[in-house]
Amino acid sequence: MDDTTPTDYACPLQEADRRHRFVDAEARREQRMRKHVNDELARFAHTHTILATAWVDVEAGPDAKAHNRRPLSVTLHDWCHADGAAHAYAHEKDVDDDDDDDFDSGVDVLSFATAAPTLTTPLLDPHPHLASLCGFEDLGTLRIDAEADLLGMLAATDDAEYDFCESESEDDETGRQKPSLAECVRQLRQRLQSGGCGGGTSSHQRPLQLWAFSARSETGASNVFAEADRALTWKWCKPDSAYTKQSGWFLQLHELLDHGSWNGGKNLTLLARPAKADGFDMFI
């Protein structure tokens, strides 16, 4: 005869019910968090292609990284709002300048010295950090003079004579598709190698590394770096992540990229906006 009573099954059944409720609660929390992140991404509906450049020493060899742990000065340009014919490229941060106090302090530097606003940020190892962002492309290096008009040279390539103040996804009035940034770089590299472009004399040329990635803003009518009166803030989102789905807002881009590489992994959507005037941003 079975002496088991119903009370003997009460604890296992209650435990299974608790686990079921816990799983349901976690699923609902996951859905709410994903919806929150997707709603924020919907507000940041304007995508910008960002061109990142840094002077490098390709002749230093494979051991250069181990011997030189000083960050590179990476300058960011909003390619979608760059009129290459009107903007002169000026690299104000020389990686060999040991007296660059602002650079060593790890502060992002907005520059309005040229017609196209840029942002300069220190990155110890730019490639893996930038590679975590959506839209990342390694565009290779170009050997040009430090004072060369890079944006003008890119826009002057045969297939790149378009109004870059419009979205890259749109076609011009002739129906031709506007070339991507990668295509403009490829054509410029060919012209430089054939001597058909004014990249400077060989004795003054230096290797410039180029990358591209995407950033999103709430308004797409202007250069993402054009807010001269307020600091620019950054955030990453990844709604499909099984773990951390977003960061807080960072004042320094290089700190955000370091945070994202550790907590978000790859395919991070980068958001950019000016700091709120009311001061209620949660900065990290």
C-alpha atoms as a PDB file:
ATOM      1  CA  MET A   1       0.000   0.000   0.000  1.00  0.00           C
ATOM      2  CA  ASP A   2       1.296   3.452  -0.942  1.00  0.00           C
ATOM      3  CA  ASP A   3       1.647   5.542   2.203  1.00  0.00           C
ATOM      4  CA  THR A   4       2.488   8.733   0.242  1.00  0.00           C
ATOM      5  CA  THR A   5       0.184  11.631   1.093  1.00  0.00           C
ATOM      6  CA  PRO A   6      -0.568  14.718  -1.035  1.00  0.00           C
ATOM      7  CA  THR A   7       1.475  16.823   1.350  1.00  0.00           C
ATOM      8  CA  ASP A   8       4.601  14.967   0.189  1.00  0.00           C
ATOM      9  CA  TYR A   9       4.199  16.607  -3.247  1.00  0.00           C
ATOM     10  CA  ALA A  10       3.438  20.104  -1.987  1.00  0.00           C
ATOM     11  CA  CYS A  11       7.039  21.341  -1.794  1.00  0.00           C
ATOM     12  CA  PRO A  12       8.140  20.191  -5.278  1.00  0.00           C
ATOM     13  CA  LEU A  13       4.961  21.614  -6.826  1.00  0.00           C
ATOM     14  CA  GLN A  14       5.379  24.930  -5.041  1.00  0.00           C
ATOM     15  CA  GLU A  15       9.025  25.111  -6.112  1.00  0.00           C
ATOM     16  CA  ALA A  16       8.084  24.449  -9.745  1.00  0.00           C
ATOM     17  CA  ASP A  17       5.419  27.151  -9.533  1.00  0.00           C
ATOM     18  CA  ARG A  18       7.923  29.646  -8.101  1.00  0.00           C
ATOM     19  CA  ARG A  19      10.374  28.881 -10.875  1.00  0.00           C
ATOM     20  CA  HIS A  20       7.654  29.293 -13.497  1.00  0.00           C
ATOM     21  CA  ARG A  21       6.661  32.697 -12.072  1.00  0.00           C
ATOM     22  CA  PHE A  22      10.313  33.748 -11.975  1.00  0.00           C
ATOM     23  CA  VAL A  23      10.847  32.786 -15.615  1.00  0.00           C
ATOM     24  CA  ASP A  24       7.696  34.676 -16.629  1.00  0.00           C
ATOM     25  CA  ALA A  25       8.822  37.763 -14.709  1.00  0.00           C
ATOM     26  CA  GLU A  26      12.242  37.670 -16.338  1.00  0.00           C
ATOM     27  CA  ALA A  27      10.668  37.311 -19.789  1.00  0.00           C
ATOM     28  CA  ARG A  28       8.420  40.316 -19.151  1.00  0.00           C
ATOM     29  CA  ARG A  29      11.372  42.346 -17.876  1.00  0.00           C
ATOM     30  CA  GLU A  30      13.357  41.395 -20.988  1.00  0.00           C
ATOM     31  CA  GLN A  31      10.495  42.494 -23.231  1.00  0.00           C
ATOM     32  CA  ARG A  32      10.133  45.826 -21.413  1.00  0.00           C
ATOM     33  CA  MET A  33      13.855  46.520 -21.644  1.00  0.00           C
ATOM     34  CA  ARG A  34      13.996  45.621 -25.348  1.00  0.00           C
ATOM     35  CA  LYS A  35      10.979  47.865 -26.032  1.00  0.00           C
ATOM     36  CA  HIS A  36      12.602  50.718 -24.114  1.00  0.00           C
ATOM     37  CA  VAL A  37      15.824  50.432 -26.110  1.00  0.00           C
ATOM     38  CA  ASN A  38      13.974  50.131 -29.432  1.00  0.00           C
ATOM     39  CA  ASP A  39      11.852  53.182 -28.591  1.00  0.00           C
ATOM     40  CA  GLU A  40      15.008  55.177 -27.932  1.00  0.00           C
ATOM     41  CA  LEU A  41      16.554  53.980 -31.193  1.00  0.00           C
ATOM     42  CA  ALA A  42      13.397  55.121 -32.996  1.00  0.00           C
ATOM     43  CA  ARG A  43      13.957  58.650 -31.670  1.00  0.00           C
ATOM     44  CA  PHE A  44      17.528  58.579 -32.986  1.00  0.00           C
ATOM     45  CA  ALA A  45      16.375  57.975 -36.532  1.00  0.00           C
ATOM     46  CA  HIS A  46      19.095  59.824 -38.458  1.00  0.00           C
ATOM     47  CA  THR A  47      22.175  57.811 -39.393  1.00  0.00           C
ATOM     48  CA  HIS A  48      25.533  59.518 -39.950  1.00  0.00           C
ATOM     49  CA  THR A  49      28.563  57.956 -41.588  1.00  0.00           C
ATOM     50  CA  ILE A  50      31.568  58.944 -39.482  1.00  0.00           C
ATOM     51  CA  LEU A  51      35.034  59.071 -41.034  1.00  0.00           C
ATOM     52  CA  ALA A  52      37.781  58.485 -38.459  1.00  0.00           C
ATOM     53  CA  THR A  53      41.406  59.324 -39.268  1.00  0.00           C
ATOM     54  CA  ALA A  54      44.700  58.947 -37.407  1.00  0.00           C
ATOM     55  CA  TRP A  55      48.322  59.463 -38.408  1.00  0.00           C
ATOM     56  CA  VAL A  56      50.202  56.210 -37.948  1.00  0.00           C
ATOM     57  CA  ASP A  57      53.760  54.938 -38.270  1.00  0.00           C
ATOM     58  CA  VAL A  58      53.501  51.865 -40.485  1.00  0.00           C
ATOM     59  CA  GLU A  59      57.300  51.595 -40.581  1.00  0.00           C
ATOM     60  CA  ALA A  60      57.447  50.977 -36.821  1.00  0.00           C
ATOM     61  CA  GLY A  61      56.981  47.230 -37.256  1.00  0.00           C
ATOM     62  CA  PRO A  62      54.859  44.663 -35.403  1.00  0.00           C
ATOM     63  CA  ASP A  63      56.470  45.410 -32.043  1.00  0.00           C
ATOM     64  CA  ALA A  64      55.502  49.092 -32.117  1.00  0.00           C
ATOM     65  CA  LYS A  65      52.347  48.507 -30.095  1.00  0.00           C
ATOM     66  CA  ALA A  66      54.284  46.836 -27.304  1.00  0.00           C
ATOM     67  CA  HIS A  67      56.804  49.668 -27.090  1.00  0.00           C
ATOM     68  CA  ASN A  68      54.468  52.613 -27.616  1.00  0.00           C
ATOM     69  CA  ARG A  69      51.378  52.544 -25.418  1.00  0.00           C
ATOM     70  CA  ARG A  70      50.534  56.184 -26.041  1.00  0.00           C
ATOM     71  CA  PRO A  71      47.025  56.654 -27.491  1.00  0.00           C
ATOM     72  CA  LEU A  72      46.547  57.763 -31.055  1.00  0.00           C
ATOM     73  CA  SER A  73      44.772  61.033 -31.709  1.00  0.00           C
ATOM     74  CA  VAL A  74      41.731  60.049 -33.789  1.00  0.00           C
ATOM     75  CA  THR A  75      39.820  62.790 -35.609  1.00  0.00           C
ATOM     76  CA  LEU A  76      36.171  62.208 -36.507  1.00  0.00           C
ATOM     77  CA  HIS A  77      34.372  63.814 -39.462  1.00  0.00           C
ATOM     78  CA  ASP A  78      30.667  63.628 -40.251  1.00  0.00           C
ATOM     79  CA  TRP A  79      30.934  62.422 -43.854  1.00  0.00           C
ATOM     80  CA  CYS A  80      27.212  62.824 -44.545  1.00  0.00           C
ATOM     81  CA  HIS A  81      27.531  66.559 -43.939  1.00  0.00           C
ATOM     82  CA  ALA A  82      30.966  67.191 -45.378  1.00  0.00           C
ATOM     83  CA  ASP A  83      31.147  69.428 -48.434  1.00  0.00           C
ATOM     84  CA  GLY A  84      34.626  68.476 -49.543  1.00  0.00           C
ATOM     85  CA  ALA A  85      35.074  71.455 -51.872  1.00  0.00           C
ATOM     86  CA  ALA A  86      34.600  73.906 -49.006  1.00  0.00           C
ATOM     87  CA  HIS A  87      36.350  72.235 -46.089  1.00  0.00           C
ATOM     88  CA  ALA A  88      40.073  72.148 -45.563  1.00  0.00           C
ATOM     89  CA  TYR A  89      41.472  69.195 -43.660  1.00  0.00           C
ATOM     90  CA  ALA A  90      43.888  70.215 -40.920  1.00  0.00           C
ATOM     91  CA  HIS A  91      45.385  67.680 -38.542  1.00  0.00           C
ATOM     92  CA  GLU A  92      46.145  69.647 -35.403  1.00  0.00           C
ATOM     93  CA  LYS A  93      47.177  66.741 -33.187  1.00  0.00           C
ATOM     94  CA  ASP A  94      50.585  65.293 -34.040  1.00  0.00           C
ATOM     95  CA  VAL A  95      51.122  61.870 -32.478  1.00  0.00           C
ATOM     96  CA  ASP A  96      54.812  62.689 -32.090  1.00  0.00           C
ATOM     97  CA  ASP A  97      54.115  65.855 -30.040  1.00  0.00           C
ATOM     98  CA  ASP A  98      54.983  64.974 -26.454  1.00  0.00           C
ATOM     99  CA  ASP A  99      53.604  68.321 -25.202  1.00  0.00           C
ATOM    100  CA  ASP A 100      50.000  67.609 -26.113  1.00  0.00           C
ATOM    101  CA  ASP A 101      48.529  68.109 -22.631  1.00  0.00           C
ATOM    102  CA  ASP A 102      44.861  68.002 -23.653  1.00  0.00           C
ATOM    103  CA  PHE A 103      45.470  64.801 -25.556  1.00  0.00           C
ATOM    104  CA  ASP A 104      47.201  63.080 -22.648  1.00  0.00           C
ATOM    105  CA  SER A 105      44.437  64.115 -20.266  1.00  0.00           C
ATOM    106  CA  GLY A 106      41.979  61.963 -22.197  1.00  0.00           C
ATOM    107  CA  VAL A 107      39.598  64.754 -23.181  1.00  0.00           C
ATOM    108  CA  ASP A 108      37.617  64.814 -26.415  1.00  0.00           C
ATOM    109  CA  VAL A 109      38.401  68.024 -28.332  1.00  0.00           C
ATOM    110  CA  LEU A 110      35.803  69.661 -30.568  1.00  0.00           C
ATOM    111  CA  SER A 111      37.430  71.740 -33.305  1.00  0.00           C
ATOM    112  CA  PHE A 112      35.759  74.539 -35.254  1.00  0.00           C
ATOM    113  CA  ALA A 113      38.939  75.824 -36.890  1.00  0.00           C
ATOM    114  CA  THR A 114      37.729  74.622 -40.282  1.00  0.00           C
ATOM    115  CA  ALA A 115      34.338  74.957 -41.946  1.00  0.00           C
ATOM    116  CA  ALA A 116      33.504  71.360 -41.023  1.00  0.00           C
ATOM    117  CA  PRO A 117      33.433  70.760 -37.246  1.00  0.00           C
ATOM    118  CA  THR A 118      35.337  67.703 -36.102  1.00  0.00           C
ATOM    119  CA  LEU A 119      35.979  65.864 -32.862  1.00  0.00           C
ATOM    120  CA  THR A 120      39.368  64.551 -31.758  1.00  0.00           C
ATOM    121  CA  THR A 121      39.523  61.757 -29.198  1.00  0.00           C
ATOM    122  CA  PRO A 122      42.429  59.660 -27.834  1.00  0.00           C
ATOM    123  CA  LEU A 123      42.223  55.913 -28.479  1.00  0.00           C
ATOM    124  CA  LEU A 124      44.898  53.524 -27.251  1.00  0.00           C
ATOM    125  CA  ASP A 125      43.992  50.834 -29.771  1.00  0.00           C
ATOM    126  CA  PRO A 126      41.476  52.320 -32.237  1.00  0.00           C
ATOM    127  CA  HIS A 127      40.766  49.356 -34.500  1.00  0.00           C
ATOM    128  CA  PRO A 128      39.191  46.877 -32.015  1.00  0.00           C
ATOM    129  CA  HIS A 129      37.281  49.652 -30.257  1.00  0.00           C
ATOM    130  CA  LEU A 130      35.808  51.108 -33.457  1.00  0.00           C
ATOM    131  CA  ALA A 131      35.197  47.588 -34.818  1.00  0.00           C
ATOM    132  CA  SER A 132      32.585  47.057 -32.106  1.00  0.00           C
ATOM    133  CA  LEU A 133      30.324  49.671 -33.739  1.00  0.00           C
ATOM    134  CA  CYS A 134      27.681  49.122 -36.394  1.00  0.00           C
ATOM    135  CA  GLY A 135      28.763  50.093 -39.893  1.00  0.00           C
ATOM    136  CA  PHE A 136      32.461  49.656 -39.146  1.00  0.00           C
ATOM    137  CA  GLU A 137      34.874  49.496 -42.093  1.00  0.00           C
ATOM    138  CA  ASP A 138      38.650  49.502 -42.122  1.00  0.00           C
ATOM    139  CA  LEU A 139      39.427  51.776 -45.082  1.00  0.00           C
ATOM    140  CA  GLY A 140      43.192  51.250 -44.981  1.00  0.00           C
ATOM    141  CA  THR A 141      45.829  53.971 -45.204  1.00  0.00           C
ATOM    142  CA  LEU A 142      46.556  56.862 -47.535  1.00  0.00           C
ATOM    143  CA  ARG A 143      49.926  58.561 -47.845  1.00  0.00           C
ATOM    144  CA  ILE A 144      49.247  62.296 -47.974  1.00  0.00           C
ATOM    145  CA  ASP A 145      50.676  65.546 -46.714  1.00  0.00           C
ATOM    146  CA  ALA A 146      49.631  66.512 -43.190  1.00  0.00           C
ATOM    147  CA  GLU A 147      48.124  69.739 -44.549  1.00  0.00           C
ATOM    148  CA  ALA A 148      46.324  68.132 -47.491  1.00  0.00           C
ATOM    149  CA  ASP A 149      42.597  68.756 -47.932  1.00  0.00           C
ATOM    150  CA  LEU A 150      41.457  65.183 -47.341  1.00  0.00           C
ATOM    151  CA  LEU A 151      37.706  65.814 -47.591  1.00  0.00           C
ATOM    152  CA  GLY A 152      38.194  67.906 -50.709  1.00  0.00           C
ATOM    153  CA  MET A 153      40.328  65.180 -52.267  1.00  0.00           C
ATOM    154  CA  LEU A 154      37.724  62.534 -51.476  1.00  0.00           C
ATOM    155  CA  ALA A 155      34.864  64.610 -52.857  1.00  0.00           C
ATOM    156  CA  ALA A 156      36.825  65.412 -56.000  1.00  0.00           C
ATOM    157  CA  THR A 157      37.116  61.785 -57.102  1.00  0.00           C
ATOM    158  CA  ASP A 158      35.491  61.184 -60.476  1.00  0.00           C
ATOM    159  CA  ASP A 159      32.325  59.568 -59.138  1.00  0.00           C
ATOM    160  CA  ALA A 160      31.996  61.630 -55.967  1.00  0.00           C
ATOM    161  CA  GLU A 161      30.887  65.046 -57.224  1.00  0.00           C
ATOM    162  CA  TYR A 162      27.669  65.121 -55.240  1.00  0.00           C
ATOM    163  CA  ASP A 163      26.088  67.237 -52.551  1.00  0.00           C
ATOM    164  CA  PHE A 164      27.296  65.448 -49.430  1.00  0.00           C
ATOM    165  CA  CYS A 165      24.871  67.420 -47.268  1.00  0.00           C
ATOM    166  CA  GLU A 166      22.190  64.951 -48.379  1.00  0.00           C
ATOM    167  CA  SER A 167      21.839  61.370 -47.207  1.00  0.00           C
ATOM    168  CA  GLU A 168      24.251  58.945 -48.831  1.00  0.00           C
ATOM    169  CA  SER A 169      21.382  56.560 -49.490  1.00  0.00           C
ATOM    170  CA  GLU A 170      19.724  58.975 -51.911  1.00  0.00           C
ATOM    171  CA  ASP A 171      20.525  59.185 -55.602  1.00  0.00           C
ATOM    172  CA  ASP A 172      21.254  62.377 -57.505  1.00  0.00           C
ATOM    173  CA  GLU A 173      18.941  63.870 -60.158  1.00  0.00           C
ATOM    174  CA  THR A 174      20.552  61.826 -62.933  1.00  0.00           C
ATOM    175  CA  GLY A 175      19.594  58.582 -61.228  1.00  0.00           C
ATOM    176  CA  ARG A 176      23.167  57.626 -60.421  1.00  0.00           C
ATOM    177  CA  GLN A 177      23.719  56.097 -57.015  1.00  0.00           C
ATOM    178  CA  LYS A 178      25.957  58.184 -54.790  1.00  0.00           C
ATOM    179  CA  PRO A 179      29.224  56.406 -54.022  1.00  0.00           C
ATOM    180  CA  SER A 180      29.960  55.103 -50.569  1.00  0.00           C
ATOM    181  CA  LEU A 181      32.791  56.509 -48.508  1.00  0.00           C
ATOM    182  CA  ALA A 182      34.734  53.279 -49.090  1.00  0.00           C
ATOM    183  CA  GLU A 183      34.404  53.754 -52.860  1.00  0.00           C
ATOM    184  CA  CYS A 184      35.618  57.362 -52.623  1.00  0.00           C
ATOM    185  CA  VAL A 185      38.648  56.223 -50.615  1.00  0.00           C
ATOM    186  CA  ARG A 186      39.373  53.468 -53.146  1.00  0.00           C
ATOM    187  CA  GLN A 187      39.297  55.923 -56.054  1.00  0.00           C
ATOM    188  CA  LEU A 188      41.401  58.472 -54.183  1.00  0.00           C
ATOM    189  CA  ARG A 189      44.007  55.809 -53.398  1.00  0.00           C
ATOM    190  CA  GLN A 190      44.225  54.944 -57.092  1.00  0.00           C
ATOM    191  CA  ARG A 191      44.667  58.602 -58.032  1.00  0.00           C
ATOM    192  CA  LEU A 192      47.352  59.096 -55.397  1.00  0.00           C
ATOM    193  CA  GLN A 193      49.244  56.026 -56.576  1.00  0.00           C
ATOM    194  CA  SER A 194      49.094  57.247 -60.174  1.00  0.00           C
ATOM    195  CA  GLY A 195      50.192  60.752 -59.199  1.00  0.00           C
ATOM    196  CA  GLY A 196      46.936  62.265 -60.407  1.00  0.00           C
ATOM    197  CA  CYS A 197      45.991  63.992 -57.176  1.00  0.00           C
ATOM    198  CA  GLY A 198      47.671  66.656 -55.079  1.00  0.00           C
ATOM    199  CA  GLY A 199      48.546  64.675 -52.001  1.00  0.00           C
ATOM    200  CA  GLY A 200      51.791  66.530 -51.324  1.00  0.00           C
ATOM    201  CA  THR A 201      55.424  65.784 -52.089  1.00  0.00           C
ATOM    202  CA  SER A 202      56.751  62.345 -51.191  1.00  0.00           C
ATOM    203  CA  SER A 203      59.152  63.796 -48.605  1.00  0.00           C
ATOM    204  CA  HIS A 204      56.255  65.318 -46.648  1.00  0.00           C
ATOM    205  CA  GLN A 205      53.742  62.500 -47.009  1.00  0.00           C
ATOM    206  CA  ARG A 206      52.722  60.448 -44.008  1.00  0.00           C
ATOM    207  CA  PRO A 207      50.467  57.388 -43.657  1.00  0.00           C
ATOM    208  CA  LEU A 208      46.951  58.286 -42.544  1.00  0.00           C
ATOM    209  CA  GLN A 209      44.761  55.429 -41.326  1.00  0.00           C
ATOM    210  CA  LEU A 210      41.050  55.666 -42.161  1.00  0.00           C
ATOM    211  CA  TRP A 211      38.055  53.917 -40.609  1.00  0.00           C
ATOM    212  CA  ALA A 212      34.318  54.391 -40.969  1.00  0.00           C
ATOM    213  CA  PHE A 213      31.407  53.631 -38.673  1.00  0.00           C
ATOM    214  CA  SER A 214      27.808  54.697 -38.115  1.00  0.00           C
ATOM    215  CA  ALA A 215      26.342  56.998 -35.484  1.00  0.00           C
ATOM    216  CA  ARG A 216      22.740  58.027 -34.965  1.00  0.00           C
ATOM    217  CA  SER A 217      21.296  61.366 -33.884  1.00  0.00           C
ATOM    218  CA  GLU A 218      17.862  62.801 -33.147  1.00  0.00           C
ATOM    219  CA  THR A 219      18.205  65.414 -35.878  1.00  0.00           C
ATOM    220  CA  GLY A 220      19.849  64.768 -39.241  1.00  0.00           C
ATOM    221  CA  ALA A 221      19.825  68.301 -40.584  1.00  0.00           C
ATOM    222  CA  SER A 222      23.317  69.236 -39.444  1.00  0.00           C
ATOM    223  CA  ASN A 223      26.796  67.947 -38.752  1.00  0.00           C
ATOM    224  CA  VAL A 224      26.698  65.777 -35.636  1.00  0.00           C
ATOM    225  CA  PHE A 225      29.691  67.743 -34.302  1.00  0.00           C
ATOM    226  CA  ALA A 226      28.167  71.170 -35.001  1.00  0.00           C
ATOM    227  CA  GLU A 227      26.881  71.945 -31.490  1.00  0.00           C
ATOM    228  CA  ALA A 228      29.482  74.483 -30.422  1.00  0.00           C
ATOM    229  CA  ASP A 229      27.717  75.603 -27.237  1.00  0.00           C
ATOM    230  CA  ARG A 230      27.232  72.188 -25.605  1.00  0.00           C
ATOM    231  CA  ALA A 231      29.335  69.100 -25.018  1.00  0.00           C
ATOM    232  CA  LEU A 232      28.568  66.044 -27.123  1.00  0.00           C
ATOM    233  CA  THR A 233      27.456  62.927 -25.257  1.00  0.00           C
ATOM    234  CA  TRP A 234      27.518  59.287 -26.345  1.00  0.00           C
ATOM    235  CA  LYS A 235      25.639  56.082 -25.667  1.00  0.00           C
ATOM    236  CA  TRP A 236      25.607  52.560 -27.120  1.00  0.00           C
ATOM    237  CA  CYS A 237      22.578  50.290 -27.561  1.00  0.00           C
ATOM    238  CA  LYS A 238      22.173  46.637 -28.445  1.00  0.00           C
ATOM    239  CA  PRO A 239      18.515  45.619 -27.997  1.00  0.00           C
ATOM    240  CA  ASP A 240      19.048  41.974 -28.986  1.00  0.00           C
ATOM    241  CA  SER A 241      21.792  41.370 -26.437  1.00  0.00           C
ATOM    242  CA  ALA A 242      21.072  38.651 -23.900  1.00  0.00           C
ATOM    243  CA  TYR A 243      22.923  40.680 -21.282  1.00  0.00           C
ATOM    244  CA  THR A 244      23.507  44.445 -21.181  1.00  0.00           C
ATOM    245  CA  LYS A 245      21.340  46.183 -23.772  1.00  0.00           C
ATOM    246  CA  GLN A 246      22.534  49.777 -23.389  1.00  0.00           C
ATOM    247  CA  SER A 247      24.959  52.020 -21.584  1.00  0.00           C
ATOM    248  CA  GLY A 248      24.496  55.302 -19.807  1.00  0.00           C
ATOM    249  CA  TRP A 249      25.468  58.586 -21.458  1.00  0.00           C
ATOM    250  CA  PHE A 250      29.224  59.234 -21.588  1.00  0.00           C
ATOM    251  CA  LEU A 251      30.926  62.589 -21.976  1.00  0.00           C
ATOM    252  CA  GLN A 252      34.074  61.019 -23.452  1.00  0.00           C
ATOM    253  CA  LEU A 253      33.781  58.823 -26.543  1.00  0.00           C
ATOM    254  CA  HIS A 254      36.886  56.781 -25.801  1.00  0.00           C
ATOM    255  CA  GLU A 255      35.491  55.837 -22.372  1.00  0.00           C
ATOM    256  CA  LEU A 256      32.210  54.748 -23.959  1.00  0.00           C
ATOM    257  CA  LEU A 257      34.021  52.590 -26.526  1.00  0.00           C
ATOM    258  CA  ASP A 258      36.012  50.904 -23.780  1.00  0.00           C
ATOM    259  CA  HIS A 259      32.814  50.266 -21.825  1.00  0.00           C
ATOM    260  CA  GLY A 260      31.060  48.898 -24.916  1.00  0.00           C
ATOM    261  CA  SER A 261      33.877  46.527 -25.854  1.00  0.00           C
ATOM    262  CA  TRP A 262      33.705  44.946 -22.406  1.00  0.00           C
ATOM    263  CA  ASN A 263      29.941  44.949 -21.839  1.00  0.00           C
ATOM    264  CA  GLY A 264      28.329  44.907 -25.255  1.00  0.00           C
ATOM    265  CA  GLY A 265      30.673  43.110 -27.632  1.00  0.00           C
ATOM    266  CA  LYS A 266      30.074  43.687 -31.363  1.00  0.00           C
ATOM    267  CA  ASN A 267      27.386  45.420 -33.441  1.00  0.00           C
ATOM    268  CA  LEU A 268      26.790  48.284 -31.030  1.00  0.00           C
ATOM    269  CA  THR A 269      24.568  51.129 -32.234  1.00  0.00           C
ATOM    270  CA  LEU A 270      26.222  54.428 -31.352  1.00  0.00           C
ATOM    271  CA  LEU A 271      23.995  57.353 -30.316  1.00  0.00           C
ATOM    272  CA  ALA A 272      25.183  60.961 -30.165  1.00  0.00           C
ATOM    273  CA  ARG A 273      23.512  64.091 -28.842  1.00  0.00           C
ATOM    274  CA  PRO A 274      24.431  67.389 -27.170  1.00  0.00           C
ATOM    275  CA  ALA A 275      24.359  67.398 -23.391  1.00  0.00           C
ATOM    276  CA  LYS A 276      20.994  68.487 -22.060  1.00  0.00           C
ATOM    277  CA  ALA A 277      20.833  72.125 -21.061  1.00  0.00           C
ATOM    278  CA  ASP A 278      18.832  71.263 -17.933  1.00  0.00           C
ATOM    279  CA  GLY A 279      21.686  69.127 -16.623  1.00  0.00           C
ATOM    280  CA  PHE A 280      19.573  66.029 -16.026  1.00  0.00           C
ATOM    281  CA  ASP A 281      21.678  63.710 -18.163  1.00  0.00           C
ATOM    282  CA  MET A 282      23.068  60.718 -16.307  1.00  0.00           C
ATOM    283  CA  PHE A 283      26.760  60.970 -17.163  1.00  0.00           C
ATOM    284  CA  ILE A 284      29.385  58.323 -16.587  1.00  0.00           C
END
